[in-house]
Amino acid sequence: VDDLQDIVFQAIDEVAEELGEISLKIHDNPELGKEERFAHELLVNYLKKKGFKVTPSTYGIETAFVAEFQSKTGEGRVVSFNSEYDALPDIGHACGHNLIAISGVGAAIGLKAVLEKFEIEGTVKLFGTPGEEIGYGKVELIEAGAYKNVDVSLMIHPTTFDGAFGKLIANNQVEVEYFGKIHGVITNGGTAPNVIPDYTSGKFTIRGMTIEDLRSLHPRVQKCFEGAAEATGAKLKTKWSKEIYDVKTNSPLATRYETYNSQKFGTKFLSREQQYSTSFAASTDQGNVTYVVPGIHPVYNIFETSSENKNHTPKFAEQARTKFAHEKTIEATKSVALVGLDILIDDKFYREVRKCFET
């Protein structure tokens, strides 16, 4: 096992500098969700050069892709990773998706090296998953069947602390349009405060700790919009987005990730209770994936010192292109790659993962 781990690390180290260059190129060319054409082409071309079978613009999504490598001895279990690469309006890569992009690539390259050198049945898949910031890129991939023949889905995410058990919650977005005498909403609120417009619109997000909580809240919020329309004599139009599920963290996968990250790199993790309380306000469409296949969404700290900075801020965008952030990404990438390796070679561990998922 140690020899296999060494091969994973060596393969990632060999491309670490190249991955750093890719990360900076994506960071310096921020693209909104579903418009990530530069990042898509950059990653697709790189993965082709590295010997993966790559399908660009796949599953009916222009900026999605899948790259895969199967061992000569057979398909075996299928380990998948996700690369995100969309940015935020105005503040660019303030969630560090340039780093998530290269982490998925690096982990896939690490497993590919093992599958090439040893007679191990197995397949590694890397999904290029656009549109995470707009909320539903992976949902569309799920609906198109992307994760049907996948055994686990692994990815990591930069933030301001280290953990694999943080609670990422469910959310749902709604676009609201009023045709009548209502004022004060956000996206289209008129031209002056003393002029009542004939049309207003806004966008709102509702959240729940679980998808069940979210669904119980949905009709109550809808009634609020309907009540406002009825009270003012306006015509109402609402358009709800696809539901984003809470992350169903697979405990064996998450524990194994923390164990490797701690053993190999000395990372000190918050307790599970602290992780839940620290990260409860965030959401990701990886949550939907974890309801389809066993998965995790560990986060890792990209700041050198204790920081009050949060994701989705200009400071975070600035930090996401630093050397320190890149080094921490490589460490986390190696750790999550080893979890993927164990899925391929450790039958007992895989059974534990499946049992946790099915209960």
Foldseek 3Di string as FASTA:
>chain_A
DVVLLVLLLVQLVVCLVVLLVQLVVLLVVAAAFLGSPVNQVVLQVVLVVLPWDKDACPLVRRSKIKTKDWAPLEAFAEEEEEQERHADPPQGNLFLSSLQNSLRVSLQSSVNSSSHPDNFGHMYMYMYFTRFVVPPRVVSCVVSPVCVRHAEYETETEKAAWAWQAKAWKKKKKKKKWQAFDADEDPAGDDDPVDGDRMDMHMDMDIDSFVVRHVVCVVVVVVVSVVVCVVGVIDMDMDMDDMAGMAPAQVLLRVQLVVQLCVVPVGDHDPSVVNHVVRSPHTTSVRVVCLVHHYTYIYHRQDPDRDPDTRPDSVSSVSSSDPSSSVRSSSSSSSSSVSVVCCRPPPVSSVSSVVSSVD
